[in-house]
Amino acid sequence: MARVSQEHLDARRRQILEGAARCFARNGFHGTSMQDVLKEAGLSAGAVYRYFPGKEDIIAAITVETFATIRGAFEEAARVSPPPTPDVLLSRMLTRVLGEQLYGLERRTFAALAVQLWSETLRDARLAAQLDEGYATMRGVWAELVGAYRSAGILSGDVVADHVARTMIATAQGFIVQEALFGDVRPDVPENGLRGLMSMGPQKAS
């Protein structure tokens, strides 16, 4: 029997995930059956079950990859030295995430899938653990950035690093939700908005 190459195995796995992602984005997790996935991927049950015992395992795999894409975008944007200011960093992160077209999905469809994944973590402990791990990593990246900002003299020393981290992550999540709900999220919008907020000085007493 001819040995199947790793490249072939990886391509087949990708075929399954892309087919499943299209189904999930279109019909939701609970509105999609394994038969739907088989049909969308154009594969037999045996071919699919060789890689994934069930739908929950496919959802878990997509969750890991999606969260890794979002986390990786933050980490990549933060690697520049000196680090970009938050407005620029957020713009670069959204440019990569929304332009990635993971699973071949258009940006708004991918954003909708990400929102579904976040929602699914509320009922699935395994997915919640994966989200917690990614969230902790991103908070760590931002904590390091806060240190770099302080060293550069552009951030006050009394600002709590984790507060900055959680605020920036929430801002990124919010714009991904906006893309899912309304579309037309341009990365220059949060960049300009944050830059405007960052330019505000202390309020003068009347």
N, C-alpha and C. Protein backbone atom coordinates (compact mmCIF):
# COMPACT_ATOMS: atom_id res chain seq x y z
N MET A 1 0.85 -1.19 0.00
CA MET A 1 0.00 0.00 0.00
C MET A 1 0.89 1.24 0.00
N ALA A 2 0.59 2.17 -0.89
CA ALA A 2 1.40 3.38 -0.99
C ALA A 2 1.24 4.22 0.27
N ARG A 3 2.35 4.78 0.71
CA ARG A 3 2.33 5.60 1.91
C ARG A 3 1.78 6.98 1.56
N VAL A 4 0.85 7.46 2.36
CA VAL A 4 0.25 8.77 2.13
C VAL A 4 1.17 9.83 2.74
N SER A 5 1.48 10.85 1.97
CA SER A 5 2.40 11.88 2.44
C SER A 5 1.73 12.76 3.48
N GLN A 6 2.57 13.40 4.30
CA GLN A 6 2.05 14.33 5.30
C GLN A 6 1.38 15.51 4.63
N GLU A 7 1.89 15.90 3.48
CA GLU A 7 1.28 17.00 2.74
C GLU A 7 -0.15 16.67 2.35
N HIS A 8 -0.36 15.43 1.93
CA HIS A 8 -1.71 14.99 1.56
C HIS A 8 -2.63 14.97 2.78
N LEU A 9 -2.11 14.48 3.90
CA LEU A 9 -2.91 14.43 5.12
C LEU A 9 -3.29 15.83 5.58
N ASP A 10 -2.34 16.75 5.52
CA ASP A 10 -2.61 18.11 5.93
C ASP A 10 -3.64 18.77 5.01
N ALA A 11 -3.53 18.49 3.72
CA ALA A 11 -4.47 19.07 2.76
C ALA A 11 -5.88 18.54 2.98
N ARG A 12 -6.00 17.26 3.29
CA ARG A 12 -7.31 16.67 3.54
C ARG A 12 -7.93 17.24 4.82
N ARG A 13 -7.10 17.40 5.84
CA ARG A 13 -7.60 17.99 7.08
C ARG A 13 -8.07 19.41 6.84
N ARG A 14 -7.30 20.17 6.04
CA ARG A 14 -7.69 21.54 5.72
C ARG A 14 -8.99 21.57 4.94
N GLN A 15 -9.17 20.61 4.06
CA GLN A 15 -10.41 20.52 3.27
C GLN A 15 -11.63 20.34 4.19
N ILE A 16 -11.46 19.50 5.19
CA ILE A 16 -12.55 19.25 6.14
C ILE A 16 -12.86 20.51 6.95
N LEU A 17 -11.83 21.15 7.46
CA LEU A 17 -12.03 22.34 8.28
C LEU A 17 -12.65 23.48 7.49
N GLU A 18 -12.22 23.65 6.25
CA GLU A 18 -12.79 24.71 5.43
C GLU A 18 -14.26 24.44 5.12
N GLY A 19 -14.59 23.19 4.82
CA GLY A 19 -15.98 22.84 4.57
C GLY A 19 -16.84 23.04 5.80
N ALA A 20 -16.32 22.61 6.95
CA ALA A 20 -17.07 22.77 8.20
C ALA A 20 -17.24 24.24 8.55
N ALA A 21 -16.19 25.04 8.36
CA ALA A 21 -16.27 26.46 8.69
C ALA A 21 -17.33 27.15 7.84
N ARG A 22 -17.43 26.78 6.58
CA ARG A 22 -18.47 27.38 5.72
C ARG A 22 -19.86 27.02 6.24
N CYS A 23 -20.02 25.77 6.65
CA CYS A 23 -21.31 25.33 7.20
C CYS A 23 -21.64 26.07 8.49
N PHE A 24 -20.66 26.14 9.38
CA PHE A 24 -20.89 26.79 10.67
C PHE A 24 -21.21 28.27 10.49
N ALA A 25 -20.48 28.92 9.59
CA ALA A 25 -20.72 30.34 9.35
C ALA A 25 -22.10 30.57 8.77
N ARG A 26 -22.56 29.62 7.98
CA ARG A 26 -23.85 29.77 7.29
C ARG A 26 -25.03 29.38 8.18
N ASN A 27 -24.88 28.27 8.92
CA ASN A 27 -26.02 27.71 9.66
C ASN A 27 -25.83 27.67 11.17
N GLY A 28 -24.67 28.07 11.65
CA GLY A 28 -24.40 27.97 13.08
C GLY A 28 -23.94 26.57 13.47
N PHE A 29 -23.36 26.45 14.64
CA PHE A 29 -22.86 25.16 15.09
C PHE A 29 -23.99 24.15 15.28
N HIS A 30 -25.06 24.58 15.91
CA HIS A 30 -26.12 23.65 16.26
C HIS A 30 -27.06 23.38 15.09
N GLY A 31 -26.98 24.22 14.07
CA GLY A 31 -27.78 23.98 12.87
C GLY A 31 -27.04 23.19 11.81
N THR A 32 -25.82 22.76 12.13
CA THR A 32 -24.99 22.00 11.19
C THR A 32 -24.83 20.58 11.69
N SER A 33 -25.07 19.61 10.82
CA SER A 33 -24.87 18.21 11.16
C SER A 33 -23.57 17.71 10.52
N MET A 34 -23.13 16.55 10.94
CA MET A 34 -21.95 15.96 10.31
C MET A 34 -22.22 15.65 8.85
N GLN A 35 -23.45 15.30 8.51
CA GLN A 35 -23.80 15.07 7.11
C GLN A 35 -23.63 16.35 6.29
N ASP A 36 -23.95 17.47 6.89
CA ASP A 36 -23.74 18.75 6.21
C ASP A 36 -22.26 18.97 5.93
N VAL A 37 -21.44 18.64 6.91
CA VAL A 37 -20.00 18.81 6.76
C VAL A 37 -19.46 17.89 5.67
N LEU A 38 -19.91 16.63 5.66
CA LEU A 38 -19.46 15.68 4.65
C LEU A 38 -19.79 16.20 3.25
N LYS A 39 -21.01 16.69 3.09
CA LYS A 39 -21.45 17.17 1.79
C LYS A 39 -20.66 18.39 1.36
N GLU A 40 -20.46 19.32 2.30
CA GLU A 40 -19.75 20.56 1.97
C GLU A 40 -18.29 20.29 1.62
N ALA A 41 -17.68 19.36 2.34
CA ALA A 41 -16.27 19.02 2.10
C ALA A 41 -16.09 18.10 0.91
N GLY A 42 -17.18 17.44 0.50
CA GLY A 42 -17.10 16.52 -0.62
C GLY A 42 -16.32 15.26 -0.31
N LEU A 43 -16.45 14.78 0.93
CA LEU A 43 -15.70 13.61 1.37
C LEU A 43 -16.64 12.58 1.98
N SER A 44 -16.15 11.35 2.07
CA SER A 44 -16.93 10.28 2.68
C SER A 44 -16.84 10.37 4.20
N ALA A 45 -17.76 9.66 4.86
CA ALA A 45 -17.74 9.66 6.31
C ALA A 45 -16.43 9.10 6.85
N GLY A 46 -15.94 8.05 6.20
CA GLY A 46 -14.69 7.44 6.65
C GLY A 46 -13.52 8.40 6.57
N ALA A 47 -13.49 9.19 5.49
CA ALA A 47 -12.39 10.14 5.32
C ALA A 47 -12.41 11.21 6.40
N VAL A 48 -13.61 11.68 6.76
CA VAL A 48 -13.72 12.74 7.76
C VAL A 48 -13.47 12.21 9.16
N TYR A 49 -14.07 11.06 9.48
CA TYR A 49 -13.93 10.52 10.84
C TYR A 49 -12.51 10.03 11.13
N ARG A 50 -11.73 9.87 10.10
CA ARG A 50 -10.32 9.52 10.30
C ARG A 50 -9.59 10.65 11.02
N TYR A 51 -10.03 11.87 10.77
CA TYR A 51 -9.39 13.05 11.35
C TYR A 51 -10.12 13.58 12.57
N PHE A 52 -11.45 13.50 12.54
CA PHE A 52 -12.25 14.10 13.61
C PHE A 52 -13.36 13.12 14.00
N PRO A 53 -13.35 12.64 15.26
CA PRO A 53 -14.38 11.68 15.70
C PRO A 53 -15.79 12.24 15.67
N GLY A 54 -15.94 13.56 15.78
CA GLY A 54 -17.28 14.14 15.79
C GLY A 54 -17.25 15.63 15.55
N LYS A 55 -18.41 16.23 15.49
CA LYS A 55 -18.53 17.66 15.20
C LYS A 55 -17.83 18.50 16.26
N GLU A 56 -17.94 18.10 17.53
CA GLU A 56 -17.32 18.89 18.59
C GLU A 56 -15.81 18.98 18.41
N ASP A 57 -15.21 17.93 17.86
CA ASP A 57 -13.76 17.95 17.64
C ASP A 57 -13.39 18.90 16.50
N ILE A 58 -14.26 19.00 15.51
CA ILE A 58 -14.03 19.96 14.42
C ILE A 58 -14.15 21.38 14.96
N ILE A 59 -15.17 21.61 15.77
CA ILE A 59 -15.35 22.94 16.37
C ILE A 59 -14.13 23.32 17.21
N ALA A 60 -13.62 22.35 17.97
CA ALA A 60 -12.44 22.61 18.81
C ALA A 60 -11.23 22.97 17.96
N ALA A 61 -11.04 22.26 16.85
CA ALA A 61 -9.91 22.54 15.97
C ALA A 61 -10.01 23.93 15.36
N ILE A 62 -11.22 24.30 14.93
CA ILE A 62 -11.43 25.63 14.36
C ILE A 62 -11.23 26.71 15.42
N THR A 63 -11.66 26.41 16.64
CA THR A 63 -11.47 27.36 17.74
C THR A 63 -10.00 27.63 17.98
N VAL A 64 -9.21 26.57 18.04
CA VAL A 64 -7.77 26.71 18.28
C VAL A 64 -7.13 27.56 17.19
N GLU A 65 -7.46 27.29 15.94
CA GLU A 65 -6.84 28.02 14.84
C GLU A 65 -7.30 29.47 14.81
N THR A 66 -8.57 29.70 15.06
CA THR A 66 -9.09 31.07 15.01
C THR A 66 -8.49 31.92 16.11
N PHE A 67 -8.48 31.38 17.33
CA PHE A 67 -7.89 32.14 18.43
C PHE A 67 -6.39 32.35 18.21
N ALA A 68 -5.72 31.36 17.62
CA ALA A 68 -4.29 31.49 17.35
C ALA A 68 -4.04 32.59 16.32
N THR A 69 -4.94 32.72 15.34
CA THR A 69 -4.80 33.78 14.34
C THR A 69 -4.90 35.15 14.98
N ILE A 70 -5.90 35.32 15.85
CA ILE A 70 -6.09 36.61 16.52
C ILE A 70 -4.92 36.90 17.46
N ARG A 71 -4.51 35.89 18.23
CA ARG A 71 -3.38 36.07 19.15
C ARG A 71 -2.10 36.36 18.37
N GLY A 72 -1.88 35.64 17.28
CA GLY A 72 -0.68 35.83 16.47
C GLY A 72 -0.61 37.21 15.86
N ALA A 73 -1.78 37.77 15.50
CA ALA A 73 -1.80 39.12 14.93
C ALA A 73 -1.34 40.14 15.95
N PHE A 74 -1.76 39.98 17.20
CA PHE A 74 -1.30 40.87 18.27
C PHE A 74 0.21 40.73 18.45
N GLU A 75 0.68 39.49 18.51
CA GLU A 75 2.10 39.26 18.78
C GLU A 75 2.97 39.78 17.64
N GLU A 76 2.52 39.58 16.40
CA GLU A 76 3.30 40.05 15.26
C GLU A 76 3.38 41.57 15.23
N ALA A 77 2.25 42.22 15.51
CA ALA A 77 2.23 43.69 15.50
C ALA A 77 3.10 44.26 16.61
N ALA A 78 3.25 43.50 17.70
CA ALA A 78 3.99 43.98 18.85
C ALA A 78 5.49 43.73 18.75
N ARG A 79 5.93 42.94 17.75
CA ARG A 79 7.35 42.59 17.64
C ARG A 79 8.21 43.74 17.13
N VAL A 80 7.60 44.75 16.55
CA VAL A 80 8.35 45.85 15.97
C VAL A 80 9.08 46.60 17.09
N SER A 81 10.29 47.03 16.81
CA SER A 81 11.05 47.77 17.80
C SER A 81 11.50 49.11 17.21
N PRO A 82 11.14 50.21 17.86
CA PRO A 82 10.35 50.32 19.08
C PRO A 82 8.89 49.94 18.80
N PRO A 83 8.18 49.52 19.82
CA PRO A 83 6.81 49.06 19.60
C PRO A 83 5.91 50.20 19.13
N PRO A 84 4.97 49.90 18.23
CA PRO A 84 4.04 50.94 17.78
C PRO A 84 3.10 51.35 18.89
N THR A 85 2.59 52.56 18.81
CA THR A 85 1.62 53.02 19.79
C THR A 85 0.33 52.22 19.64
N PRO A 86 -0.53 52.19 20.66
CA PRO A 86 -1.73 51.36 20.62
C PRO A 86 -2.61 51.57 19.41
N ASP A 87 -2.75 52.81 18.94
CA ASP A 87 -3.61 53.05 17.79
C ASP A 87 -3.09 52.36 16.54
N VAL A 88 -1.77 52.43 16.33
CA VAL A 88 -1.16 51.78 15.16
C VAL A 88 -1.20 50.26 15.32
N LEU A 89 -0.90 49.79 16.52
CA LEU A 89 -0.87 48.34 16.75
C LEU A 89 -2.24 47.71 16.50
N LEU A 90 -3.29 48.37 17.00
CA LEU A 90 -4.64 47.82 16.82
C LEU A 90 -5.00 47.80 15.33
N SER A 91 -4.64 48.83 14.60
CA SER A 91 -4.92 48.88 13.17
C SER A 91 -4.23 47.74 12.44
N ARG A 92 -2.97 47.49 12.77
CA ARG A 92 -2.22 46.40 12.12
C ARG A 92 -2.82 45.04 12.47
N MET A 93 -3.23 44.88 13.73
CA MET A 93 -3.81 43.62 14.16
C MET A 93 -5.10 43.34 13.40
N LEU A 94 -5.98 44.33 13.29
CA LEU A 94 -7.25 44.13 12.58
C LEU A 94 -7.04 43.92 11.09
N THR A 95 -6.04 44.60 10.54
CA THR A 95 -5.73 44.41 9.11
C THR A 95 -5.38 42.95 8.84
N ARG A 96 -4.58 42.37 9.72
CA ARG A 96 -4.19 40.97 9.51
C ARG A 96 -5.35 40.02 9.76
N VAL A 97 -6.05 40.21 10.89
CA VAL A 97 -7.13 39.28 11.24
C VAL A 97 -8.24 39.29 10.18
N LEU A 98 -8.69 40.48 9.81
CA LEU A 98 -9.81 40.58 8.87
C LEU A 98 -9.38 40.31 7.43
N GLY A 99 -8.08 40.42 7.17
CA GLY A 99 -7.60 40.15 5.82
C GLY A 99 -7.06 38.75 5.63
N GLU A 100 -7.02 37.97 6.71
CA GLU A 100 -6.44 36.62 6.67
C GLU A 100 -7.24 35.67 5.78
N GLN A 101 -8.56 35.85 5.76
CA GLN A 101 -9.46 34.95 5.04
C GLN A 101 -9.20 33.49 5.42
N LEU A 102 -9.14 33.27 6.74
CA LEU A 102 -8.97 31.91 7.26
C LEU A 102 -10.13 31.04 6.78
N TYR A 103 -9.82 29.84 6.36
CA TYR A 103 -10.79 28.89 5.81
C TYR A 103 -11.42 29.39 4.51
N GLY A 104 -10.80 30.38 3.88
CA GLY A 104 -11.33 30.90 2.64
C GLY A 104 -12.57 31.75 2.81
N LEU A 105 -12.85 32.16 4.04
CA LEU A 105 -14.06 32.94 4.32
C LEU A 105 -13.81 34.43 4.08
N GLU A 106 -14.82 35.11 3.58
CA GLU A 106 -14.74 36.56 3.47
C GLU A 106 -14.66 37.15 4.88
N ARG A 107 -14.16 38.39 4.96
CA ARG A 107 -13.87 38.99 6.27
C ARG A 107 -15.08 39.04 7.19
N ARG A 108 -16.24 39.43 6.66
CA ARG A 108 -17.41 39.53 7.53
C ARG A 108 -17.88 38.15 7.97
N THR A 109 -17.78 37.18 7.09
CA THR A 109 -18.16 35.81 7.43
C THR A 109 -17.21 35.24 8.49
N PHE A 110 -15.91 35.52 8.33
CA PHE A 110 -14.95 35.06 9.32
C PHE A 110 -15.20 35.72 10.68
N ALA A 111 -15.50 37.02 10.66
CA ALA A 111 -15.80 37.72 11.91
C ALA A 111 -17.02 37.10 12.59
N ALA A 112 -18.04 36.76 11.81
CA ALA A 112 -19.24 36.13 12.36
C ALA A 112 -18.90 34.77 12.98
N LEU A 113 -18.01 34.03 12.34
CA LEU A 113 -17.59 32.74 12.88
C LEU A 113 -16.86 32.94 14.21
N ALA A 114 -16.01 33.96 14.29
CA ALA A 114 -15.28 34.23 15.53
C ALA A 114 -16.25 34.55 16.66
N VAL A 115 -17.28 35.33 16.37
CA VAL A 115 -18.27 35.67 17.39
C VAL A 115 -19.00 34.41 17.85
N GLN A 116 -19.33 33.52 16.92
CA GLN A 116 -19.97 32.26 17.30
C GLN A 116 -19.07 31.44 18.22
N LEU A 117 -17.77 31.43 17.91
CA LEU A 117 -16.84 30.67 18.73
C LEU A 117 -16.78 31.24 20.15
N TRP A 118 -16.73 32.54 20.25
CA TRP A 118 -16.73 33.15 21.59
C TRP A 118 -17.99 32.75 22.34
N SER A 119 -19.12 32.79 21.67
CA SER A 119 -20.38 32.42 22.33
C SER A 119 -20.38 30.96 22.76
N GLU A 120 -19.79 30.11 21.92
CA GLU A 120 -19.78 28.68 22.21
C GLU A 120 -18.97 28.35 23.45
N THR A 121 -17.99 29.19 23.78
CA THR A 121 -17.17 28.92 24.97
C THR A 121 -17.98 29.04 26.25
N LEU A 122 -19.14 29.68 26.18
CA LEU A 122 -19.98 29.83 27.38
C LEU A 122 -20.64 28.52 27.78
N ARG A 123 -20.70 27.57 26.85
CA ARG A 123 -21.34 26.29 27.16
C ARG A 123 -20.40 25.10 27.04
N ASP A 124 -19.19 25.32 26.53
CA ASP A 124 -18.26 24.21 26.30
C ASP A 124 -16.98 24.46 27.09
N ALA A 125 -16.75 23.65 28.10
CA ALA A 125 -15.60 23.86 28.99
C ALA A 125 -14.27 23.71 28.25
N ARG A 126 -14.22 22.78 27.27
CA ARG A 126 -12.97 22.59 26.54
C ARG A 126 -12.62 23.84 25.72
N LEU A 127 -13.62 24.42 25.05
CA LEU A 127 -13.39 25.63 24.27
C LEU A 127 -13.06 26.80 25.19
N ALA A 128 -13.73 26.85 26.34
CA ALA A 128 -13.48 27.93 27.30
C ALA A 128 -12.03 27.89 27.77
N ALA A 129 -11.50 26.70 27.99
CA ALA A 129 -10.11 26.57 28.43
C ALA A 129 -9.15 27.07 27.36
N GLN A 130 -9.47 26.78 26.10
CA GLN A 130 -8.63 27.25 25.00
C GLN A 130 -8.67 28.77 24.90
N LEU A 131 -9.86 29.34 25.09
CA LEU A 131 -9.99 30.79 25.06
C LEU A 131 -9.23 31.42 26.21
N ASP A 132 -9.34 30.85 27.39
CA ASP A 132 -8.63 31.38 28.56
C ASP A 132 -7.12 31.40 28.33
N GLU A 133 -6.61 30.33 27.71
CA GLU A 133 -5.17 30.25 27.45
C GLU A 133 -4.73 31.36 26.49
N GLY A 134 -5.49 31.54 25.42
CA GLY A 134 -5.15 32.57 24.45
C GLY A 134 -5.27 33.96 25.03
N TYR A 135 -6.30 34.17 25.85
CA TYR A 135 -6.53 35.47 26.47
C TYR A 135 -5.38 35.81 27.42
N ALA A 136 -4.93 34.82 28.18
CA ALA A 136 -3.82 35.05 29.11
C ALA A 136 -2.54 35.40 28.34
N THR A 137 -2.32 34.74 27.20
CA THR A 137 -1.14 35.03 26.40
C THR A 137 -1.17 36.45 25.87
N MET A 138 -2.33 36.88 25.36
CA MET A 138 -2.44 38.24 24.83
C MET A 138 -2.27 39.28 25.93
N ARG A 139 -2.78 39.00 27.10
CA ARG A 139 -2.60 39.94 28.21
C ARG A 139 -1.12 40.05 28.58
N GLY A 140 -0.41 38.93 28.48
CA GLY A 140 1.02 38.95 28.75
C GLY A 140 1.79 39.78 27.73
N VAL A 141 1.40 39.65 26.46
CA VAL A 141 2.04 40.44 25.40
C VAL A 141 1.85 41.92 25.66
N TRP A 142 0.62 42.30 26.03
CA TRP A 142 0.33 43.71 26.27
C TRP A 142 1.04 44.22 27.51
N ALA A 143 1.18 43.38 28.51
CA ALA A 143 1.91 43.79 29.71
C ALA A 143 3.36 44.13 29.36
N GLU A 144 3.96 43.34 28.48
CA GLU A 144 5.32 43.63 28.03
C GLU A 144 5.37 44.93 27.25
N LEU A 145 4.35 45.18 26.45
CA LEU A 145 4.31 46.42 25.68
C LEU A 145 4.22 47.63 26.60
N VAL A 146 3.43 47.51 27.65
CA VAL A 146 3.32 48.61 28.61
C VAL A 146 4.69 48.93 29.20
N GLY A 147 5.47 47.88 29.49
CA GLY A 147 6.82 48.10 29.99
C GLY A 147 7.69 48.84 28.98
N ALA A 148 7.53 48.48 27.70
CA ALA A 148 8.29 49.15 26.64
C ALA A 148 7.86 50.61 26.50
N TYR A 149 6.55 50.86 26.63
CA TYR A 149 6.06 52.24 26.55
C TYR A 149 6.62 53.08 27.71
N ARG A 150 6.68 52.48 28.88
CA ARG A 150 7.22 53.20 30.03
C ARG A 150 8.70 53.51 29.83
N SER A 151 9.43 52.52 29.30
CA SER A 151 10.87 52.72 29.08
C SER A 151 11.11 53.84 28.07
N ALA A 152 10.18 53.96 27.11
CA ALA A 152 10.31 55.00 26.09
C ALA A 152 9.82 56.35 26.58
N GLY A 153 9.26 56.36 27.79
CA GLY A 153 8.80 57.61 28.38
C GLY A 153 7.50 58.14 27.80
N ILE A 154 6.69 57.24 27.19
CA ILE A 154 5.44 57.70 26.58
C ILE A 154 4.21 57.21 27.35
N LEU A 155 4.42 56.56 28.47
CA LEU A 155 3.29 56.10 29.28
C LEU A 155 3.63 56.30 30.75
N SER A 156 2.66 56.80 31.49
CA SER A 156 2.86 57.05 32.91
C SER A 156 3.12 55.76 33.66
N GLY A 157 3.96 55.85 34.66
CA GLY A 157 4.32 54.66 35.42
C GLY A 157 3.23 54.15 36.33
N ASP A 158 2.19 54.95 36.58
CA ASP A 158 1.15 54.50 37.50
C ASP A 158 0.00 53.78 36.80
N VAL A 159 0.12 53.58 35.48
CA VAL A 159 -0.92 52.88 34.73
C VAL A 159 -0.74 51.37 34.94
N VAL A 160 -1.81 50.68 35.32
CA VAL A 160 -1.75 49.23 35.55
C VAL A 160 -1.67 48.52 34.21
N ALA A 161 -0.63 47.72 34.00
CA ALA A 161 -0.40 47.06 32.71
C ALA A 161 -1.57 46.20 32.29
N ASP A 162 -2.14 45.44 33.24
CA ASP A 162 -3.23 44.54 32.88
C ASP A 162 -4.49 45.31 32.49
N HIS A 163 -4.67 46.50 33.02
CA HIS A 163 -5.82 47.32 32.64
C HIS A 163 -5.70 47.75 31.19
N VAL A 164 -4.50 48.11 30.78
CA VAL A 164 -4.26 48.47 29.38
C VAL A 164 -4.49 47.26 28.49
N ALA A 165 -3.98 46.11 28.92
CA ALA A 165 -4.11 44.88 28.13
C ALA A 165 -5.57 44.54 27.90
N ARG A 166 -6.36 44.53 28.95
CA ARG A 166 -7.76 44.14 28.82
C ARG A 166 -8.55 45.15 27.99
N THR A 167 -8.20 46.43 28.11
CA THR A 167 -8.90 47.46 27.33
C THR A 167 -8.61 47.29 25.84
N MET A 168 -7.36 47.05 25.48
CA MET A 168 -7.01 46.91 24.07
C MET A 168 -7.59 45.63 23.46
N ILE A 169 -7.59 44.55 24.22
CA ILE A 169 -8.18 43.31 23.74
C ILE A 169 -9.67 43.49 23.52
N ALA A 170 -10.33 44.17 24.48
CA ALA A 170 -11.77 44.42 24.35
C ALA A 170 -12.06 45.29 23.13
N THR A 171 -11.20 46.27 22.86
CA THR A 171 -11.40 47.13 21.69
C THR A 171 -11.29 46.32 20.41
N ALA A 172 -10.30 45.44 20.33
CA ALA A 172 -10.15 44.59 19.15
C ALA A 172 -11.36 43.68 18.98
N GLN A 173 -11.79 43.05 20.08
CA GLN A 173 -12.97 42.18 20.01
C GLN A 173 -14.20 42.97 19.56
N GLY A 174 -14.33 44.18 20.06
CA GLY A 174 -15.48 45.00 19.70
C GLY A 174 -15.54 45.29 18.21
N PHE A 175 -14.40 45.57 17.61
CA PHE A 175 -14.39 45.85 16.18
C PHE A 175 -14.63 44.59 15.35
N ILE A 176 -14.20 43.44 15.85
CA ILE A 176 -14.51 42.19 15.16
C ILE A 176 -16.02 41.93 15.21
N VAL A 177 -16.63 42.21 16.37
CA VAL A 177 -18.09 42.08 16.48
C VAL A 177 -18.78 43.06 15.54
N GLN A 178 -18.29 44.28 15.45
CA GLN A 178 -18.87 45.26 14.52
C GLN A 178 -18.81 44.76 13.09
N GLU A 179 -17.68 44.16 12.72
CA GLU A 179 -17.56 43.62 11.35
C GLU A 179 -18.59 42.52 11.13
N ALA A 180 -18.77 41.66 12.14
CA ALA A 180 -19.75 40.57 12.01
C ALA A 180 -21.17 41.10 11.86
N LEU A 181 -21.51 42.13 12.63
CA LEU A 181 -22.87 42.63 12.65
C LEU A 181 -23.18 43.60 11.51
N PHE A 182 -22.22 44.47 11.21
CA PHE A 182 -22.51 45.56 10.29
C PHE A 182 -21.62 45.58 9.04
N GLY A 183 -20.45 44.94 9.13
CA GLY A 183 -19.51 44.98 8.00
C GLY A 183 -18.82 46.33 7.91
N ASP A 184 -17.94 46.45 6.92
CA ASP A 184 -17.28 47.71 6.59
C ASP A 184 -16.46 48.28 7.73
N VAL A 185 -15.77 47.42 8.48
CA VAL A 185 -14.84 47.90 9.49
C VAL A 185 -13.49 48.11 8.81
N ARG A 186 -13.09 49.36 8.70
CA ARG A 186 -11.80 49.69 8.11
C ARG A 186 -10.80 49.91 9.25
N PRO A 187 -9.62 49.29 9.17
CA PRO A 187 -8.65 49.42 10.26
C PRO A 187 -8.25 50.86 10.56
N ASP A 188 -8.42 51.78 9.61
CA ASP A 188 -8.05 53.16 9.90
C ASP A 188 -9.04 53.81 10.87
N VAL A 189 -10.26 53.25 10.98
CA VAL A 189 -11.25 53.83 11.88
C VAL A 189 -10.82 53.71 13.35
N PRO A 190 -10.52 52.49 13.86
CA PRO A 190 -10.05 52.41 15.24
C PRO A 190 -8.71 53.13 15.44
N GLU A 191 -7.87 53.13 14.40
CA GLU A 191 -6.59 53.83 14.53
C GLU A 191 -6.81 55.33 14.76
N ASN A 192 -7.65 55.93 13.92
CA ASN A 192 -7.93 57.35 14.07
C ASN A 192 -8.70 57.64 15.36
N GLY A 193 -9.64 56.76 15.70
CA GLY A 193 -10.41 56.95 16.92
C GLY A 193 -9.54 56.90 18.15
N LEU A 194 -8.68 55.89 18.23
CA LEU A 194 -7.80 55.78 19.39
C LEU A 194 -6.82 56.94 19.45
N ARG A 195 -6.31 57.33 18.28
CA ARG A 195 -5.36 58.45 18.26
C ARG A 195 -6.03 59.71 18.80
N GLY A 196 -7.31 59.90 18.42
CA GLY A 196 -8.03 61.06 18.93
C GLY A 196 -8.20 61.01 20.43
N LEU A 197 -8.56 59.84 20.96
CA LEU A 197 -8.73 59.69 22.41
C LEU A 197 -7.41 59.88 23.15
N MET A 198 -6.33 59.38 22.55
CA MET A 198 -5.02 59.48 23.18
C MET A 198 -4.52 60.92 23.21
N SER A 199 -5.05 61.77 22.34
CA SER A 199 -4.60 63.16 22.28
C SER A 199 -5.30 64.04 23.29
N MET A 200 -6.32 63.52 23.95
CA MET A 200 -7.07 64.33 24.92
C MET A 200 -6.21 64.67 26.13
N GLY A 201 -6.25 65.91 26.54
CA GLY A 201 -5.52 66.33 27.72
C GLY A 201 -6.43 66.40 28.92
N PRO A 202 -5.90 66.73 30.07
CA PRO A 202 -6.74 66.85 31.29
C PRO A 202 -7.74 67.99 31.12
N GLN A 203 -8.92 67.79 31.68
CA GLN A 203 -9.96 68.80 31.59
C GLN A 203 -9.61 69.99 32.47
N LYS A 204 -9.78 71.16 31.89
CA LYS A 204 -9.49 72.38 32.64
C LYS A 204 -10.66 72.71 33.56
N ALA A 205 -10.34 73.16 34.73
CA ALA A 205 -11.38 73.55 35.68
C ALA A 205 -12.06 74.81 35.20
N SER A 206 -13.36 74.86 35.32
CA SER A 206 -14.13 76.03 34.87
C SER A 206 -14.06 77.15 35.91
